[in-house]
mmCIF file of all heavy atoms, coordinates in Angstrom:
data_MODEL
# 
_entry.id   MODEL 
# 
loop_
_atom_site.group_PDB 
_atom_site.id 
_atom_site.type_symbol 
_atom_site.label_atom_id 
_atom_site.label_alt_id 
_atom_site.label_comp_id 
_atom_site.label_asym_id 
_atom_site.label_entity_id 
_atom_site.label_seq_id 
_atom_site.pdbx_PDB_ins_code 
_atom_site.Cartn_x 
_atom_site.Cartn_y 
_atom_site.Cartn_z 
_atom_site.occupancy 
_atom_site.B_iso_or_equiv 
_atom_site.pdbx_formal_charge 
_atom_site.auth_seq_id 
_atom_site.auth_comp_id 
_atom_site.auth_asym_id 
_atom_site.auth_atom_id 
_atom_site.pdbx_PDB_model_num 
ATOM 1   N N   . ILE A 1 1  ? 1.181   1.803  -9.950  1.00 0.00 ? 1  ILE A N   1 
ATOM 2   C CA  . ILE A 1 1  ? 0.695   1.252  -8.691  1.00 0.00 ? 1  ILE A CA  1 
ATOM 3   C C   . ILE A 1 1  ? 0.487   -0.249 -8.859  1.00 0.00 ? 1  ILE A C   1 
ATOM 4   O O   . ILE A 1 1  ? -0.173  -0.690 -9.804  1.00 0.00 ? 1  ILE A O   1 
ATOM 5   C CB  . ILE A 1 1  ? -0.638  1.903  -8.271  1.00 0.00 ? 1  ILE A CB  1 
ATOM 6   C CG1 . ILE A 1 1  ? -0.507  3.417  -8.219  1.00 0.00 ? 1  ILE A CG1 1 
ATOM 7   C CG2 . ILE A 1 1  ? -1.093  1.354  -6.929  1.00 0.00 ? 1  ILE A CG2 1 
ATOM 8   C CD1 . ILE A 1 1  ? 0.498   3.929  -7.230  1.00 0.00 ? 1  ILE A CD1 1 
ATOM 9   N N   . VAL A 1 2  ? 1.030   -1.028 -7.953  1.00 0.00 ? 2  VAL A N   1 
ATOM 10  C CA  . VAL A 1 2  ? 0.864   -2.479 -7.957  1.00 0.00 ? 2  VAL A CA  1 
ATOM 11  C C   . VAL A 1 2  ? -0.257  -2.831 -6.982  1.00 0.00 ? 2  VAL A C   1 
ATOM 12  O O   . VAL A 1 2  ? -0.192  -2.480 -5.808  1.00 0.00 ? 2  VAL A O   1 
ATOM 13  C CB  . VAL A 1 2  ? 2.164   -3.191 -7.547  1.00 0.00 ? 2  VAL A CB  1 
ATOM 14  C CG1 . VAL A 1 2  ? 1.939   -4.691 -7.468  1.00 0.00 ? 2  VAL A CG1 1 
ATOM 15  C CG2 . VAL A 1 2  ? 3.289   -2.859 -8.512  1.00 0.00 ? 2  VAL A CG2 1 
ATOM 16  N N   . SER A 1 3  ? -1.271  -3.516 -7.456  1.00 0.00 ? 3  SER A N   1 
ATOM 17  C CA  . SER A 1 3  ? -2.352  -3.924 -6.567  1.00 0.00 ? 3  SER A CA  1 
ATOM 18  C C   . SER A 1 3  ? -1.973  -5.221 -5.876  1.00 0.00 ? 3  SER A C   1 
ATOM 19  O O   . SER A 1 3  ? -1.575  -6.193 -6.526  1.00 0.00 ? 3  SER A O   1 
ATOM 20  C CB  . SER A 1 3  ? -3.654  -4.111 -7.349  1.00 0.00 ? 3  SER A CB  1 
ATOM 21  O OG  . SER A 1 3  ? -4.694  -4.494 -6.474  1.00 0.00 ? 3  SER A OG  1 
ATOM 22  N N   . ILE A 1 4  ? -2.097  -5.242 -4.555  1.00 0.00 ? 4  ILE A N   1 
ATOM 23  C CA  . ILE A 1 4  ? -1.804  -6.470 -3.804  1.00 0.00 ? 4  ILE A CA  1 
ATOM 24  C C   . ILE A 1 4  ? -3.097  -7.153 -3.354  1.00 0.00 ? 4  ILE A C   1 
ATOM 25  O O   . ILE A 1 4  ? -3.048  -8.108 -2.579  1.00 0.00 ? 4  ILE A O   1 
ATOM 26  C CB  . ILE A 1 4  ? -0.864  -6.204 -2.613  1.00 0.00 ? 4  ILE A CB  1 
ATOM 27  C CG1 . ILE A 1 4  ? -1.490  -5.289 -1.567  1.00 0.00 ? 4  ILE A CG1 1 
ATOM 28  C CG2 . ILE A 1 4  ? 0.465   -5.629 -3.104  1.00 0.00 ? 4  ILE A CG2 1 
ATOM 29  C CD1 . ILE A 1 4  ? -0.656  -5.167 -0.293  1.00 0.00 ? 4  ILE A CD1 1 
ATOM 30  N N   . VAL A 1 5  ? -4.233  -6.642 -3.830  1.00 0.00 ? 5  VAL A N   1 
ATOM 31  C CA  . VAL A 1 5  ? -5.528  -7.285 -3.582  1.00 0.00 ? 5  VAL A CA  1 
ATOM 32  C C   . VAL A 1 5  ? -6.306  -7.342 -4.893  1.00 0.00 ? 5  VAL A C   1 
ATOM 33  O O   . VAL A 1 5  ? -6.056  -6.558 -5.808  1.00 0.00 ? 5  VAL A O   1 
ATOM 34  C CB  . VAL A 1 5  ? -6.363  -6.511 -2.525  1.00 0.00 ? 5  VAL A CB  1 
ATOM 35  C CG1 . VAL A 1 5  ? -5.699  -6.564 -1.175  1.00 0.00 ? 5  VAL A CG1 1 
ATOM 36  C CG2 . VAL A 1 5  ? -6.612  -5.075 -2.962  1.00 0.00 ? 5  VAL A CG2 1 
ATOM 37  N N   . GLY A 1 6  ? -7.238  -8.279 -4.970  1.00 0.00 ? 6  GLY A N   1 
ATOM 38  C CA  . GLY A 1 6  ? -8.092  -8.369 -6.135  1.00 0.00 ? 6  GLY A CA  1 
ATOM 39  C C   . GLY A 1 6  ? -9.233  -7.360 -6.076  1.00 0.00 ? 6  GLY A C   1 
ATOM 40  O O   . GLY A 1 6  ? -9.523  -6.787 -5.018  1.00 0.00 ? 6  GLY A O   1 
ATOM 41  N N   . GLU A 1 7  ? -9.878  -7.142 -7.195  1.00 0.00 ? 7  GLU A N   1 
ATOM 42  C CA  . GLU A 1 7  ? -10.966 -6.178 -7.257  1.00 0.00 ? 7  GLU A CA  1 
ATOM 43  C C   . GLU A 1 7  ? -12.117 -6.551 -6.337  1.00 0.00 ? 7  GLU A C   1 
ATOM 44  O O   . GLU A 1 7  ? -12.845 -5.678 -5.855  1.00 0.00 ? 7  GLU A O   1 
ATOM 45  C CB  . GLU A 1 7  ? -11.474 -6.057 -8.698  1.00 0.00 ? 7  GLU A CB  1 
ATOM 46  C CG  . GLU A 1 7  ? -10.472 -5.407 -9.649  1.00 0.00 ? 7  GLU A CG  1 
ATOM 47  C CD  . GLU A 1 7  ? -11.048 -5.228 -11.037 1.00 0.00 ? 7  GLU A CD  1 
ATOM 48  O OE1 . GLU A 1 7  ? -12.244 -5.578 -11.231 1.00 0.00 ? 7  GLU A OE1 1 
ATOM 49  O OE2 . GLU A 1 7  ? -10.318 -4.754 -11.925 1.00 0.00 ? 7  GLU A OE2 1 
ATOM 50  N N   . ALA A 1 8  ? -12.286 -7.832 -6.082  1.00 0.00 ? 8  ALA A N   1 
ATOM 51  C CA  . ALA A 1 8  ? -13.405 -8.285 -5.248  1.00 0.00 ? 8  ALA A CA  1 
ATOM 52  C C   . ALA A 1 8  ? -13.083 -8.249 -3.755  1.00 0.00 ? 8  ALA A C   1 
ATOM 53  O O   . ALA A 1 8  ? -13.950 -8.560 -2.940  1.00 0.00 ? 8  ALA A O   1 
ATOM 54  C CB  . ALA A 1 8  ? -13.811 -9.699 -5.655  1.00 0.00 ? 8  ALA A CB  1 
ATOM 55  N N   . GLU A 1 9  ? -11.859 -7.889 -3.390  1.00 0.00 ? 9  GLU A N   1 
ATOM 56  C CA  . GLU A 1 9  ? -11.484 -7.857 -1.975  1.00 0.00 ? 9  GLU A CA  1 
ATOM 57  C C   . GLU A 1 9  ? -12.341 -6.835 -1.225  1.00 0.00 ? 9  GLU A C   1 
ATOM 58  O O   . GLU A 1 9  ? -12.383 -5.662 -1.580  1.00 0.00 ? 9  GLU A O   1 
ATOM 59  C CB  . GLU A 1 9  ? -10.011 -7.482 -1.824  1.00 0.00 ? 9  GLU A CB  1 
ATOM 60  C CG  . GLU A 1 9  ? -9.490  -7.540 -0.416  1.00 0.00 ? 9  GLU A CG  1 
ATOM 61  C CD  . GLU A 1 9  ? -9.331  -8.951 0.114   1.00 0.00 ? 9  GLU A CD  1 
ATOM 62  O OE1 . GLU A 1 9  ? -9.044  -9.864 -0.695  1.00 0.00 ? 9  GLU A OE1 1 
ATOM 63  O OE2 . GLU A 1 9  ? -9.497  -9.151 1.339   1.00 0.00 ? 9  GLU A OE2 1 
ATOM 64  N N   . PRO A 1 10 ? -13.045 -7.243 -0.176  1.00 0.00 ? 10 PRO A N   1 
ATOM 65  C CA  . PRO A 1 10 ? -13.885 -6.300 0.567   1.00 0.00 ? 10 PRO A CA  1 
ATOM 66  C C   . PRO A 1 10 ? -13.056 -5.355 1.432   1.00 0.00 ? 10 PRO A C   1 
ATOM 67  O O   . PRO A 1 10 ? -11.952 -5.699 1.858   1.00 0.00 ? 10 PRO A O   1 
ATOM 68  C CB  . PRO A 1 10 ? -14.767 -7.208 1.427   1.00 0.00 ? 10 PRO A CB  1 
ATOM 69  C CG  . PRO A 1 10 ? -13.982 -8.465 1.582   1.00 0.00 ? 10 PRO A CG  1 
ATOM 70  C CD  . PRO A 1 10 ? -13.175 -8.620 0.325   1.00 0.00 ? 10 PRO A CD  1 
ATOM 71  N N   . GLY A 1 11 ? -13.591 -4.172 1.670   1.00 0.00 ? 11 GLY A N   1 
ATOM 72  C CA  . GLY A 1 11 ? -12.933 -3.198 2.542   1.00 0.00 ? 11 GLY A CA  1 
ATOM 73  C C   . GLY A 1 11 ? -12.652 -1.894 1.828   1.00 0.00 ? 11 GLY A C   1 
ATOM 74  O O   . GLY A 1 11 ? -12.544 -1.848 0.606   1.00 0.00 ? 11 GLY A O   1 
ATOM 75  N N   . PRO A 1 12 ? -12.538 -0.799 2.599   1.00 0.00 ? 12 PRO A N   1 
ATOM 76  C CA  . PRO A 1 12 ? -12.214 0.506  2.017   1.00 0.00 ? 12 PRO A CA  1 
ATOM 77  C C   . PRO A 1 12 ? -10.870 0.474  1.312   1.00 0.00 ? 12 PRO A C   1 
ATOM 78  O O   . PRO A 1 12 ? -9.910  -0.126 1.788   1.00 0.00 ? 12 PRO A O   1 
ATOM 79  C CB  . PRO A 1 12 ? -12.167 1.438  3.234   1.00 0.00 ? 12 PRO A CB  1 
ATOM 80  C CG  . PRO A 1 12 ? -12.940 0.738  4.296   1.00 0.00 ? 12 PRO A CG  1 
ATOM 81  C CD  . PRO A 1 12 ? -12.724 -0.722 4.063   1.00 0.00 ? 12 PRO A CD  1 
ATOM 82  N N   . ARG A 1 13 ? -10.798 1.136  0.173   1.00 0.00 ? 13 ARG A N   1 
ATOM 83  C CA  . ARG A 1 13 ? -9.576  1.127  -0.623  1.00 0.00 ? 13 ARG A CA  1 
ATOM 84  C C   . ARG A 1 13 ? -8.529  2.087  -0.053  1.00 0.00 ? 13 ARG A C   1 
ATOM 85  O O   . ARG A 1 13 ? -8.849  3.155  0.454   1.00 0.00 ? 13 ARG A O   1 
ATOM 86  C CB  . ARG A 1 13 ? -9.898  1.527  -2.059  1.00 0.00 ? 13 ARG A CB  1 
ATOM 87  C CG  . ARG A 1 13 ? -9.998  0.375  -3.072  1.00 0.00 ? 13 ARG A CG  1 
ATOM 88  C CD  . ARG A 1 13 ? -10.638 -0.858 -2.544  1.00 0.00 ? 13 ARG A CD  1 
ATOM 89  N NE  . ARG A 1 13 ? -10.365 -2.019 -3.404  1.00 0.00 ? 13 ARG A NE  1 
ATOM 90  C CZ  . ARG A 1 13 ? -10.820 -3.233 -3.181  1.00 0.00 ? 13 ARG A CZ  1 
ATOM 91  N NH1 . ARG A 1 13 ? -11.589 -3.466 -2.138  1.00 0.00 ? 13 ARG A NH1 1 
ATOM 92  N NH2 . ARG A 1 13 ? -10.518 -4.220 -3.980  1.00 0.00 ? 13 ARG A NH2 1 
ATOM 93  N N   . LEU A 1 14 ? -7.266  1.672  -0.153  1.00 0.00 ? 14 LEU A N   1 
ATOM 94  C CA  . LEU A 1 14 ? -6.138  2.469  0.316   1.00 0.00 ? 14 LEU A CA  1 
ATOM 95  C C   . LEU A 1 14 ? -5.004  2.336  -0.688  1.00 0.00 ? 14 LEU A C   1 
ATOM 96  O O   . LEU A 1 14 ? -4.673  1.230  -1.118  1.00 0.00 ? 14 LEU A O   1 
ATOM 97  C CB  . LEU A 1 14 ? -5.671  1.963  1.689   1.00 0.00 ? 14 LEU A CB  1 
ATOM 98  C CG  . LEU A 1 14 ? -4.335  2.510  2.212   1.00 0.00 ? 14 LEU A CG  1 
ATOM 99  C CD1 . LEU A 1 14 ? -4.445  3.993  2.539   1.00 0.00 ? 14 LEU A CD1 1 
ATOM 100 C CD2 . LEU A 1 14 ? -3.876  1.726  3.443   1.00 0.00 ? 14 LEU A CD2 1 
ATOM 101 N N   . THR A 1 15 ? -4.435  3.454  -1.094  1.00 0.00 ? 15 THR A N   1 
ATOM 102 C CA  . THR A 1 15 ? -3.269  3.456  -1.961  1.00 0.00 ? 15 THR A CA  1 
ATOM 103 C C   . THR A 1 15 ? -2.114  4.114  -1.230  1.00 0.00 ? 15 THR A C   1 
ATOM 104 O O   . THR A 1 15 ? -2.267  5.201  -0.673  1.00 0.00 ? 15 THR A O   1 
ATOM 105 C CB  . THR A 1 15 ? -3.534  4.222  -3.272  1.00 0.00 ? 15 THR A CB  1 
ATOM 106 O OG1 . THR A 1 15 ? -4.655  3.645  -3.936  1.00 0.00 ? 15 THR A OG1 1 
ATOM 107 C CG2 . THR A 1 15 ? -2.326  4.154  -4.197  1.00 0.00 ? 15 THR A CG2 1 
ATOM 108 N N   . VAL A 1 16 ? -0.968  3.458  -1.216  1.00 0.00 ? 16 VAL A N   1 
ATOM 109 C CA  . VAL A 1 16 ? 0.232   3.995  -0.582  1.00 0.00 ? 16 VAL A CA  1 
ATOM 110 C C   . VAL A 1 16 ? 1.318   4.117  -1.639  1.00 0.00 ? 16 VAL A C   1 
ATOM 111 O O   . VAL A 1 16 ? 1.611   3.151  -2.344  1.00 0.00 ? 16 VAL A O   1 
ATOM 112 C CB  . VAL A 1 16 ? 0.726   3.095  0.567   1.00 0.00 ? 16 VAL A CB  1 
ATOM 113 C CG1 . VAL A 1 16 ? 2.010   3.661  1.174   1.00 0.00 ? 16 VAL A CG1 1 
ATOM 114 C CG2 . VAL A 1 16 ? -0.346  2.942  1.640   1.00 0.00 ? 16 VAL A CG2 1 
ATOM 115 N N   . GLU A 1 17 ? 1.885   5.291  -1.782  1.00 0.00 ? 17 GLU A N   1 
ATOM 116 C CA  . GLU A 1 17 ? 3.025   5.508  -2.661  1.00 0.00 ? 17 GLU A CA  1 
ATOM 117 C C   . GLU A 1 17 ? 4.193   6.013  -1.839  1.00 0.00 ? 17 GLU A C   1 
ATOM 118 O O   . GLU A 1 17 ? 3.998   6.559  -0.743  1.00 0.00 ? 17 GLU A O   1 
ATOM 119 C CB  . GLU A 1 17 ? 2.684   6.516  -3.757  1.00 0.00 ? 17 GLU A CB  1 
ATOM 120 C CG  . GLU A 1 17 ? 1.603   6.041  -4.717  1.00 0.00 ? 17 GLU A CG  1 
ATOM 121 C CD  . GLU A 1 17 ? 1.322   7.066  -5.787  1.00 0.00 ? 17 GLU A CD  1 
ATOM 122 O OE1 . GLU A 1 17 ? 2.109   7.102  -6.759  1.00 0.00 ? 17 GLU A OE1 1 
ATOM 123 O OE2 . GLU A 1 17 ? 0.346   7.816  -5.660  1.00 0.00 ? 17 GLU A OE2 1 
ATOM 124 N N   . GLY A 1 18 ? 5.395   5.841  -2.355  1.00 0.00 ? 18 GLY A N   1 
ATOM 125 C CA  . GLY A 1 18 ? 6.532   6.277  -1.580  1.00 0.00 ? 18 GLY A CA  1 
ATOM 126 C C   . GLY A 1 18 ? 7.796   6.441  -2.383  1.00 0.00 ? 18 GLY A C   1 
ATOM 127 O O   . GLY A 1 18 ? 7.860   6.114  -3.573  1.00 0.00 ? 18 GLY A O   1 
ATOM 128 N N   . LEU A 1 19 ? 8.796   6.961  -1.708  1.00 0.00 ? 19 LEU A N   1 
ATOM 129 C CA  . LEU A 1 19 ? 10.112  7.214  -2.281  1.00 0.00 ? 19 LEU A CA  1 
ATOM 130 C C   . LEU A 1 19 ? 11.159  6.684  -1.314  1.00 0.00 ? 19 LEU A C   1 
ATOM 131 O O   . LEU A 1 19 ? 11.107  6.978  -0.115  1.00 0.00 ? 19 LEU A O   1 
ATOM 132 C CB  . LEU A 1 19 ? 10.310  8.723  -2.481  1.00 0.00 ? 19 LEU A CB  1 
ATOM 133 C CG  . LEU A 1 19 ? 11.698  9.198  -2.907  1.00 0.00 ? 19 LEU A CG  1 
ATOM 134 C CD1 . LEU A 1 19 ? 12.028  8.703  -4.311  1.00 0.00 ? 19 LEU A CD1 1 
ATOM 135 C CD2 . LEU A 1 19 ? 11.775  10.720 -2.845  1.00 0.00 ? 19 LEU A CD2 1 
ATOM 136 N N   . VAL A 1 20 ? 12.098  5.902  -1.814  1.00 0.00 ? 20 VAL A N   1 
ATOM 137 C CA  . VAL A 1 20 ? 13.203  5.389  -1.005  1.00 0.00 ? 20 VAL A CA  1 
ATOM 138 C C   . VAL A 1 20 ? 14.456  6.172  -1.387  1.00 0.00 ? 20 VAL A C   1 
ATOM 139 O O   . VAL A 1 20 ? 14.807  6.271  -2.563  1.00 0.00 ? 20 VAL A O   1 
ATOM 140 C CB  . VAL A 1 20 ? 13.418  3.877  -1.220  1.00 0.00 ? 20 VAL A CB  1 
ATOM 141 C CG1 . VAL A 1 20 ? 14.589  3.378  -0.382  1.00 0.00 ? 20 VAL A CG1 1 
ATOM 142 C CG2 . VAL A 1 20 ? 12.149  3.107  -0.875  1.00 0.00 ? 20 VAL A CG2 1 
ATOM 143 N N   . ARG A 1 21 ? 15.130  6.739  -0.370  1.00 0.00 ? 21 ARG A N   1 
ATOM 144 C CA  . ARG A 1 21 ? 16.268  7.616  -0.605  1.00 0.00 ? 21 ARG A CA  1 
ATOM 145 C C   . ARG A 1 21 ? 17.482  7.205  0.216   1.00 0.00 ? 21 ARG A C   1 
ATOM 146 O O   . ARG A 1 21 ? 17.358  6.517  1.229   1.00 0.00 ? 21 ARG A O   1 
ATOM 147 C CB  . ARG A 1 21 ? 15.915  9.064  -0.226  1.00 0.00 ? 21 ARG A CB  1 
ATOM 148 C CG  . ARG A 1 21 ? 14.679  9.611  -0.874  1.00 0.00 ? 21 ARG A CG  1 
ATOM 149 C CD  . ARG A 1 21 ? 14.423  11.040 -0.436  1.00 0.00 ? 21 ARG A CD  1 
ATOM 150 N NE  . ARG A 1 21 ? 14.305  11.169 1.015   1.00 0.00 ? 21 ARG A NE  1 
ATOM 151 C CZ  . ARG A 1 21 ? 13.864  12.264 1.623   1.00 0.00 ? 21 ARG A CZ  1 
ATOM 152 N NH1 . ARG A 1 21 ? 13.519  13.316 0.911   1.00 0.00 ? 21 ARG A NH1 1 
ATOM 153 N NH2 . ARG A 1 21 ? 13.776  12.295 2.938   1.00 0.00 ? 21 ARG A NH2 1 
ATOM 154 N N   . ASP A 1 22 ? 18.635  7.692  -0.212  1.00 0.00 ? 22 ASP A N   1 
ATOM 155 C CA  . ASP A 1 22 ? 19.869  7.574  0.561   1.00 0.00 ? 22 ASP A CA  1 
ATOM 156 C C   . ASP A 1 22 ? 19.794  8.562  1.715   1.00 0.00 ? 22 ASP A C   1 
ATOM 157 O O   . ASP A 1 22 ? 19.562  9.756  1.516   1.00 0.00 ? 22 ASP A O   1 
ATOM 158 C CB  . ASP A 1 22 ? 21.064  7.883  -0.343  1.00 0.00 ? 22 ASP A CB  1 
ATOM 159 C CG  . ASP A 1 22 ? 22.405  7.675  0.335   1.00 0.00 ? 22 ASP A CG  1 
ATOM 160 O OD1 . ASP A 1 22 ? 22.667  8.363  1.349   1.00 0.00 ? 22 ASP A OD1 1 
ATOM 161 O OD2 . ASP A 1 22 ? 23.195  6.858  -0.160  1.00 0.00 ? 22 ASP A OD2 1 
ATOM 162 N N   . ALA A 1 23 ? 19.995  8.083  2.948   1.00 0.00 ? 23 ALA A N   1 
ATOM 163 C CA  . ALA A 1 23 ? 19.853  8.934  4.123   1.00 0.00 ? 23 ALA A CA  1 
ATOM 164 C C   . ALA A 1 23 ? 20.904  10.033 4.175   1.00 0.00 ? 23 ALA A C   1 
ATOM 165 O O   . ALA A 1 23 ? 20.673  11.081 4.788   1.00 0.00 ? 23 ALA A O   1 
ATOM 166 C CB  . ALA A 1 23 ? 19.934  8.087  5.394   1.00 0.00 ? 23 ALA A CB  1 
ATOM 167 N N   . GLU A 1 24 ? 22.034  9.826  3.538   1.00 0.00 ? 24 GLU A N   1 
ATOM 168 C CA  . GLU A 1 24 ? 23.110  10.815 3.606   1.00 0.00 ? 24 GLU A CA  1 
ATOM 169 C C   . GLU A 1 24 ? 23.045  11.824 2.473   1.00 0.00 ? 24 GLU A C   1 
ATOM 170 O O   . GLU A 1 24 ? 23.291  13.014 2.684   1.00 0.00 ? 24 GLU A O   1 
ATOM 171 C CB  . GLU A 1 24 ? 24.468  10.107 3.616   1.00 0.00 ? 24 GLU A CB  1 
ATOM 172 C CG  . GLU A 1 24 ? 24.687  9.240  4.855   1.00 0.00 ? 24 GLU A CG  1 
ATOM 173 C CD  . GLU A 1 24 ? 26.075  8.629  4.896   1.00 0.00 ? 24 GLU A CD  1 
ATOM 174 O OE1 . GLU A 1 24 ? 26.835  8.780  3.905   1.00 0.00 ? 24 GLU A OE1 1 
ATOM 175 O OE2 . GLU A 1 24 ? 26.401  7.987  5.906   1.00 0.00 ? 24 GLU A OE2 1 
ATOM 176 N N   . THR A 1 25 ? 22.706  11.372 1.274   1.00 0.00 ? 25 THR A N   1 
ATOM 177 C CA  . THR A 1 25 ? 22.730  12.266 0.113   1.00 0.00 ? 25 THR A CA  1 
ATOM 178 C C   . THR A 1 25 ? 21.351  12.741 -0.312  1.00 0.00 ? 25 THR A C   1 
ATOM 179 O O   . THR A 1 25 ? 21.229  13.726 -1.045  1.00 0.00 ? 25 THR A O   1 
ATOM 180 C CB  . THR A 1 25 ? 23.388  11.569 -1.089  1.00 0.00 ? 25 THR A CB  1 
ATOM 181 O OG1 . THR A 1 25 ? 22.538  10.480 -1.529  1.00 0.00 ? 25 THR A OG1 1 
ATOM 182 C CG2 . THR A 1 25 ? 24.764  11.019 -0.721  1.00 0.00 ? 25 THR A CG2 1 
# 
């Protein structure tokens, strides 16, 4: 997981993971 905010960034934490696929195969 790559963090795009620092530890001190205020706000509820959210983690998004995903998969990129070929639409045909």
